[in-house]
Amino acid sequence: MRVLSIESSLSVAGVAVINEKKLEAEVFLDYKLQHSVVLLPMIENILKMLDITIDDIDAVAVSAGPGSFTGLRIGLAAAKGIAQGKNKDFIAISSLDSMAFAQVGFDGIICPIMDALRDNVYTCKFRWKGGKLIKLCGYEALHINELLENLKDNKIMFCGDGVKIHENIIKETLKDRAYFAPLSTMMPRASFLGELALLRLKDGEKHSIYTFSPIYIRKSQAEREYEKRTGENFE
C-alpha cells in the first residue's frame, strides 16, 4: 500500500509518500509561505520527482487537528479533493498522535503541546508500550500551568510548537523530569503521519470524506467573538 500524506496543522507544510517497505519521499517546509500557496505545488512536485501519478497512490492521509483552523481546512480540502477525484481511501490523523509517534524509544510519557494562544495548549498524553503507541487520555485545551500541575509522571517528553513558547516554565516546574524532542521530530512531519496512517489503514480504519470534520477541540477566535457579540451560537 502506498500513502500520500499531507501535514498542515501548524506553521509546517509537509507532504510525504510512504509504502510498507520504505519512506519514498518527503518535503518539509517551516517558513513564512502560506499553506494555500505551497501545498498543492509540493504534492505535484513530489509525485513528479517519484515519476508517479495519483493513480499510483492507494490512500490519502491528512492532519486532522487540532491546530491552525485555516491550515487544517486547506489540508483537508486538498486531501478530500484527491480522494474523491480518484476514489482513494481517506484517513485523518491527529498531529498530536503523529508527533508522539515520532518519539519512538522514549520510555516515559510523551506530551505534545500545540500553541492555542493566551498561554493555552492543545495536548494529550501518550506512552510507548509493547511496540505500540498508547493514547492515555482525550485531546484537551489547557492552560500551560494546569497541564504542568497534572503531570505527576517521572519523565515527560515535550514536542510541538508550544515548546518554544513555554520551555522556560516547563523547565522551572519539572526540572530534570522534562525532556524535549530533537529539532528533527519537534514539529509535525508528514512522514510520521503517513506511517501511522499505514498502520491504522491495515487495521481497517478509514474516514468518510463527506462526514469527517477537523478536531478543533474549541471554537475559533472568530466564532467565540461572534457569540460574545451576539449571544448566539455560531453554527
Protein backbone atom coordinates (compact mmCIF):
# COMPACT_ATOMS: atom_id res chain seq x y z
CA MET A 1 0.00 0.00 0.00
CA ARG A 2 1.25 3.47 -0.90
CA VAL A 3 0.06 6.51 1.07
CA LEU A 4 0.26 10.20 0.20
CA SER A 5 0.29 12.16 3.47
CA ILE A 6 -0.33 15.88 3.95
CA GLU A 7 0.59 17.88 7.07
CA SER A 8 -0.82 21.39 7.53
CA SER A 9 -1.90 21.71 11.16
CA LEU A 10 0.73 24.27 12.25
CA SER A 11 3.25 26.52 10.50
CA VAL A 12 4.71 23.41 8.87
CA ALA A 13 3.66 22.43 5.38
CA GLY A 14 4.64 18.86 4.63
CA VAL A 15 3.98 16.14 2.08
CA ALA A 16 5.28 12.57 2.02
CA VAL A 17 4.84 9.35 0.07
CA ILE A 18 5.36 6.17 2.06
CA ASN A 19 4.74 2.48 1.50
CA GLU A 20 5.01 -0.59 3.71
CA LYS A 21 8.70 -1.04 2.86
CA LYS A 22 10.12 2.49 2.90
CA LEU A 23 9.61 6.24 3.04
CA GLU A 24 9.86 7.14 -0.63
CA ALA A 25 9.95 10.93 -0.37
CA GLU A 26 9.20 13.80 1.98
CA VAL A 27 9.09 17.59 1.63
CA PHE A 28 9.10 19.66 4.83
CA LEU A 29 8.79 23.44 4.95
CA ASP A 30 8.51 25.58 8.07
CA TYR A 31 8.81 29.11 6.77
CA LYS A 32 6.69 32.16 6.02
CA LEU A 33 4.86 30.95 2.94
CA GLN A 34 1.17 30.13 3.37
CA HIS A 35 -0.22 26.61 3.06
CA SER A 36 -2.60 27.78 0.35
CA VAL A 37 0.43 28.76 -1.74
CA VAL A 38 2.74 25.80 -1.19
CA LEU A 39 0.75 22.62 -0.51
CA LEU A 40 -0.55 21.80 -3.99
CA PRO A 41 2.80 22.54 -5.71
CA MET A 42 4.51 20.35 -3.10
CA ILE A 43 2.15 17.48 -3.92
CA GLU A 44 2.67 17.93 -7.65
CA ASN A 45 6.46 18.13 -7.29
CA ILE A 46 6.84 15.10 -5.02
CA LEU A 47 4.82 12.95 -7.44
CA LYS A 48 6.89 14.27 -10.35
CA MET A 49 10.17 13.51 -8.57
CA LEU A 50 9.00 9.95 -7.90
CA ASP A 51 7.76 9.64 -11.50
CA ILE A 52 4.31 8.55 -10.35
CA THR A 53 0.76 9.92 -10.51
CA ILE A 54 -2.18 9.96 -8.12
CA ASP A 55 -3.29 6.74 -9.81
CA ASP A 56 -0.28 5.06 -8.16
CA ILE A 57 -1.44 6.16 -4.70
CA ASP A 58 -3.73 3.85 -2.68
CA ALA A 59 -4.75 6.22 0.13
CA VAL A 60 -4.53 9.84 1.22
CA ALA A 61 -3.76 10.79 4.83
CA VAL A 62 -4.04 14.27 6.30
CA SER A 63 -3.56 16.05 9.61
CA ALA A 64 -6.88 16.06 11.47
CA GLY A 65 -6.16 18.70 14.08
CA PRO A 66 -6.06 20.36 16.44
CA GLY A 67 -4.06 23.32 15.20
CA SER A 68 -4.44 26.21 12.80
CA PHE A 69 -8.07 26.48 11.67
CA THR A 70 -7.05 27.79 8.25
CA GLY A 71 -4.20 25.31 7.79
CA LEU A 72 -6.38 22.35 8.70
CA ARG A 73 -9.10 23.37 6.26
CA ILE A 74 -6.60 23.83 3.43
CA GLY A 75 -5.01 20.43 4.03
CA LEU A 76 -8.35 18.66 4.37
CA ALA A 77 -9.72 20.29 1.23
CA ALA A 78 -6.68 19.09 -0.74
CA ALA A 79 -6.81 15.56 0.70
CA LYS A 80 -10.56 15.18 0.25
CA GLY A 81 -10.38 16.52 -3.29
CA ILE A 82 -7.71 13.99 -4.26
CA ALA A 83 -9.50 11.11 -2.52
CA GLN A 84 -12.85 11.93 -4.11
CA GLY A 85 -11.50 12.65 -7.57
CA LYS A 86 -9.52 9.41 -7.78
CA ASN A 87 -11.67 7.24 -5.48
CA LYS A 88 -8.87 6.69 -2.94
CA ASP A 89 -9.13 5.69 0.71
CA PHE A 90 -9.05 8.66 3.07
CA ILE A 91 -7.83 8.82 6.66
CA ALA A 92 -7.18 11.73 9.02
CA ILE A 93 -4.65 11.52 11.87
CA SER A 94 -4.27 13.98 14.74
CA SER A 95 -0.92 15.74 14.67
CA LEU A 96 -0.74 15.16 18.42
CA ASP A 97 -0.68 11.44 17.61
CA SER A 98 1.87 11.76 14.81
CA MET A 99 4.24 13.92 16.90
CA ALA A 100 4.06 11.40 19.75
CA PHE A 101 4.61 8.57 17.25
CA ALA A 102 7.83 10.28 16.18
CA GLN A 103 9.28 9.96 19.69
CA VAL A 104 9.66 6.18 19.45
CA GLY A 105 12.02 4.71 22.03
CA PHE A 106 11.28 7.22 24.80
CA ASP A 107 10.34 5.24 27.90
CA GLY A 108 8.30 7.89 29.71
CA ILE A 109 5.22 9.97 28.98
CA ILE A 110 5.14 11.82 25.67
CA CYS A 111 3.26 15.12 25.80
CA PRO A 112 2.89 17.07 22.54
CA ILE A 113 1.85 20.69 23.07
CA MET A 114 0.46 22.90 20.33
CA ASP A 115 0.04 26.63 20.83
CA ALA A 116 -3.63 27.53 21.49
CA LEU A 117 -2.88 31.22 22.30
CA ARG A 118 -3.04 33.08 25.64
CA ASP A 119 -0.79 30.52 27.37
CA ASN A 120 -3.11 27.65 26.44
CA VAL A 121 -2.04 24.49 24.64
CA TYR A 122 -3.70 21.67 22.77
CA THR A 123 -2.32 18.49 24.26
CA CYS A 124 -2.64 14.80 25.01
CA LYS A 125 -0.52 12.18 26.79
CA PHE A 126 0.93 9.07 25.17
CA ARG A 127 3.23 6.20 26.06
CA TRP A 128 5.01 3.53 24.03
CA LYS A 129 4.14 0.07 25.34
CA GLY A 130 4.81 -3.27 23.70
CA GLY A 131 5.90 -1.59 20.49
CA LYS A 132 2.64 0.35 20.18
CA LEU A 133 1.77 3.97 20.86
CA ILE A 134 -0.89 4.13 23.58
CA LYS A 135 -3.12 7.19 23.99
CA LEU A 136 -3.60 7.80 27.72
CA CYS A 137 -6.30 10.49 27.69
CA GLY A 138 -8.52 12.59 25.44
CA TYR A 139 -7.41 15.63 23.48
CA GLU A 140 -7.55 18.75 25.63
CA ALA A 141 -7.10 22.52 25.52
CA LEU A 142 -5.45 23.53 28.81
CA HIS A 143 -3.61 26.48 30.31
CA ILE A 144 0.07 25.56 30.48
CA ASN A 145 0.05 25.89 34.28
CA GLU A 146 -2.88 23.47 34.59
CA LEU A 147 -1.14 20.97 32.33
CA LEU A 148 2.10 21.09 34.30
CA GLU A 149 0.26 20.73 37.62
CA ASN A 150 -1.27 17.49 36.34
CA LEU A 151 1.98 15.94 35.12
CA LYS A 152 3.00 13.70 38.01
CA ASP A 153 4.92 11.16 35.95
CA ASN A 154 8.65 10.72 36.30
CA LYS A 155 9.84 11.52 32.76
CA ILE A 156 7.94 13.65 30.25
CA MET A 157 8.97 14.32 26.65
CA PHE A 158 7.60 17.52 25.11
CA CYS A 159 7.29 18.32 21.41
CA GLY A 160 5.28 20.72 19.25
CA ASP A 161 5.30 24.45 18.63
CA GLY A 162 4.24 25.09 22.23
CA VAL A 163 7.75 24.14 23.37
CA LYS A 164 9.43 27.30 22.08
CA ILE A 165 6.82 29.38 23.92
CA HIS A 166 6.68 27.51 27.23
CA GLU A 167 10.12 25.87 27.51
CA ASN A 168 11.24 28.06 30.43
CA ILE A 169 8.22 27.40 32.63
CA ILE A 170 8.37 23.68 31.79
CA LYS A 171 12.00 23.54 32.92
CA GLU A 172 11.28 25.59 36.06
CA THR A 173 8.33 23.41 37.05
CA LEU A 174 9.50 19.92 36.11
CA LYS A 175 13.27 20.44 36.30
CA ASP A 176 15.15 17.26 35.34
CA ARG A 177 11.90 15.38 34.65
CA ALA A 178 11.42 17.44 31.47
CA TYR A 179 12.79 16.17 28.16
CA PHE A 180 12.50 17.84 24.77
CA ALA A 181 12.32 16.29 21.32
CA PRO A 182 15.18 16.95 18.88
CA LEU A 183 14.56 19.52 16.17
CA SER A 184 14.00 16.78 13.58
CA THR A 185 10.91 15.50 15.41
CA MET A 186 9.84 18.62 17.31
CA MET A 187 7.20 19.64 14.74
CA PRO A 188 4.61 17.53 12.89
CA ARG A 189 6.07 15.59 9.96
CA ALA A 190 4.13 14.19 7.02
CA SER A 191 6.34 11.08 7.09
CA PHE A 192 5.32 10.07 10.61
CA LEU A 193 1.70 10.94 9.87
CA GLY A 194 1.88 8.70 6.82
CA GLU A 195 3.47 5.78 8.67
CA LEU A 196 0.85 5.96 11.41
CA ALA A 197 -1.85 6.12 8.74
CA LEU A 198 -0.43 2.96 7.13
CA LEU A 199 -0.73 1.08 10.42
CA ARG A 200 -4.29 2.23 11.00
CA LEU A 201 -5.38 1.52 7.44
CA LYS A 202 -4.06 -2.03 7.82
CA ASP A 203 -6.29 -2.35 10.89
CA GLY A 204 -9.27 -1.31 8.80
CA GLU A 205 -9.58 2.30 9.95
CA LYS A 206 -10.54 4.97 7.43
CA HIS A 207 -12.83 8.02 7.27
CA SER A 208 -15.55 9.34 5.03
CA ILE A 209 -14.66 12.43 3.02
CA TYR A 210 -18.29 13.51 3.35
CA THR A 211 -18.64 13.40 7.13
CA PHE A 212 -15.18 13.91 8.61
CA SER A 213 -14.56 17.28 10.29
CA PRO A 214 -11.31 18.57 11.83
CA ILE A 215 -10.56 18.07 15.52
CA TYR A 216 -10.78 21.67 16.67
CA ILE A 217 -11.26 20.96 20.44
CA ARG A 218 -12.52 24.50 20.85
CA LYS A 219 -14.11 27.11 18.61
CA SER A 220 -12.08 29.57 16.59
CA GLN A 221 -11.46 33.09 17.87
CA ALA A 222 -13.83 34.46 15.22
CA GLU A 223 -16.60 32.14 16.39
CA ARG A 224 -16.04 32.99 20.06
CA GLU A 225 -16.09 36.73 19.32
CA TYR A 226 -19.29 36.33 17.29
CA GLU A 227 -21.03 34.51 20.15
CA LYS A 228 -19.86 37.08 22.66
CA ARG A 229 -21.11 39.91 20.47
CA THR A 230 -24.47 38.41 19.51
CA GLY A 231 -25.26 35.95 22.27
CA GLU A 232 -25.90 33.29 19.60
CA ASN A 233 -24.10 30.08 18.74
CA PHE A 234 -22.04 30.30 15.55
CA GLU A 235 -23.11 27.27 13.53
